[in-house]
Amino acid sequence: MADVDSKLDGNVPGKYYVDDTCSACGVCSDTAPNNFKLTDDEENAFVYKQPENDEEVELCEEALEGCPEESIGNDGA
């Protein structure tokens, strides 16, 4: 499970985030491309936009559940 204390700096404020265990596999950016991106150096992913509607929330949850490293968190903020 993702650790809010290890949240990467690139994440925008909000309930979803990626922590430092991310391996940049691309599952999140493929699943929810409106919310997750890989960094330019492709070392990790980050949340660049928090979900704004039910569809985006559903895709972010799907990305969270599908993350092989369990690097995506939802702190409920």
Protein backbone atom coordinates (compact mmCIF):
# COMPACT_ATOMS: atom_id res chain seq x y z
CA MET A 1 0.00 0.00 0.00
CA ALA A 2 1.23 3.49 -0.88
CA ASP A 3 2.70 5.60 1.91
CA VAL A 4 1.49 9.20 2.14
CA ASP A 5 4.77 10.10 3.87
CA SER A 6 6.64 8.94 0.74
CA LYS A 7 4.46 10.89 -1.70
CA LEU A 8 6.46 12.16 -4.67
CA ASP A 9 6.82 15.93 -5.07
CA GLY A 10 5.31 16.03 -8.58
CA ASN A 11 1.83 15.04 -7.41
CA VAL A 12 -0.78 17.80 -7.43
CA PRO A 13 -2.63 18.31 -4.12
CA GLY A 14 -5.63 16.06 -3.58
CA LYS A 15 -6.61 12.60 -2.50
CA TYR A 16 -4.73 10.54 -5.12
CA TYR A 17 -0.95 10.38 -5.17
CA VAL A 18 2.01 8.22 -6.23
CA ASP A 19 4.76 7.37 -3.75
CA ASP A 20 8.47 6.64 -4.18
CA THR A 21 7.98 2.90 -4.74
CA CYS A 22 6.76 3.58 -8.30
CA SER A 23 8.62 1.64 -11.00
CA ALA A 24 7.18 3.65 -13.94
CA CYS A 25 5.47 0.57 -15.38
CA GLY A 26 2.83 2.77 -17.03
CA VAL A 27 -0.27 0.97 -15.75
CA CYS A 28 -1.68 4.15 -14.20
CA SER A 29 -0.93 6.42 -17.16
CA ASP A 30 -2.43 3.85 -19.53
CA THR A 31 -5.51 3.34 -17.33
CA ALA A 32 -6.18 6.97 -16.36
CA PRO A 33 -4.23 9.17 -18.81
CA ASN A 34 -6.23 12.26 -17.84
CA ASN A 35 -4.83 12.02 -14.31
CA PHE A 36 -1.47 10.19 -14.33
CA LYS A 37 1.73 10.85 -16.30
CA LEU A 38 5.23 9.47 -16.35
CA THR A 39 8.01 11.93 -15.57
CA ASP A 40 10.11 13.11 -18.51
CA ASP A 41 12.93 10.79 -17.44
CA GLU A 42 10.38 7.94 -17.06
CA GLU A 43 11.62 7.10 -13.57
CA ASN A 44 8.18 7.28 -11.97
CA ALA A 45 4.61 8.38 -12.48
CA PHE A 46 2.70 11.13 -10.72
CA VAL A 47 -0.80 12.56 -10.45
CA TYR A 48 -0.85 15.69 -12.59
CA LYS A 49 -4.61 16.27 -12.29
CA GLN A 50 -7.03 15.08 -9.62
CA PRO A 51 -10.22 13.48 -10.96
CA GLU A 52 -13.01 15.90 -11.75
CA ASN A 53 -15.89 13.55 -12.44
CA ASP A 54 -17.17 10.05 -11.64
CA GLU A 55 -15.54 8.50 -14.71
CA GLU A 56 -12.11 9.87 -13.76
CA VAL A 57 -12.56 8.70 -10.16
CA GLU A 58 -13.44 5.22 -11.43
CA LEU A 59 -10.35 5.13 -13.65
CA CYS A 60 -8.10 6.37 -10.83
CA GLU A 61 -9.46 3.62 -8.59
CA GLU A 62 -8.84 1.09 -11.37
CA ALA A 63 -5.25 2.35 -11.66
CA LEU A 64 -4.82 2.15 -7.88
CA GLU A 65 -6.06 -1.45 -7.83
CA GLY A 66 -3.98 -2.42 -10.87
CA CYS A 67 -0.69 -0.91 -9.74
CA PRO A 68 1.77 -3.82 -9.40
CA GLU A 69 3.93 -1.90 -6.91
CA GLU A 70 0.96 -0.61 -4.87
CA SER A 71 2.44 2.86 -5.34
CA ILE A 72 -0.84 4.73 -5.77
CA GLY A 73 -2.61 6.03 -2.71
CA ASN A 74 -5.94 7.60 -1.90
CA ASP A 75 -5.73 9.56 1.34
CA GLY A 76 -9.37 10.65 1.14
CA ALA A 77 -8.51 14.35 1.19
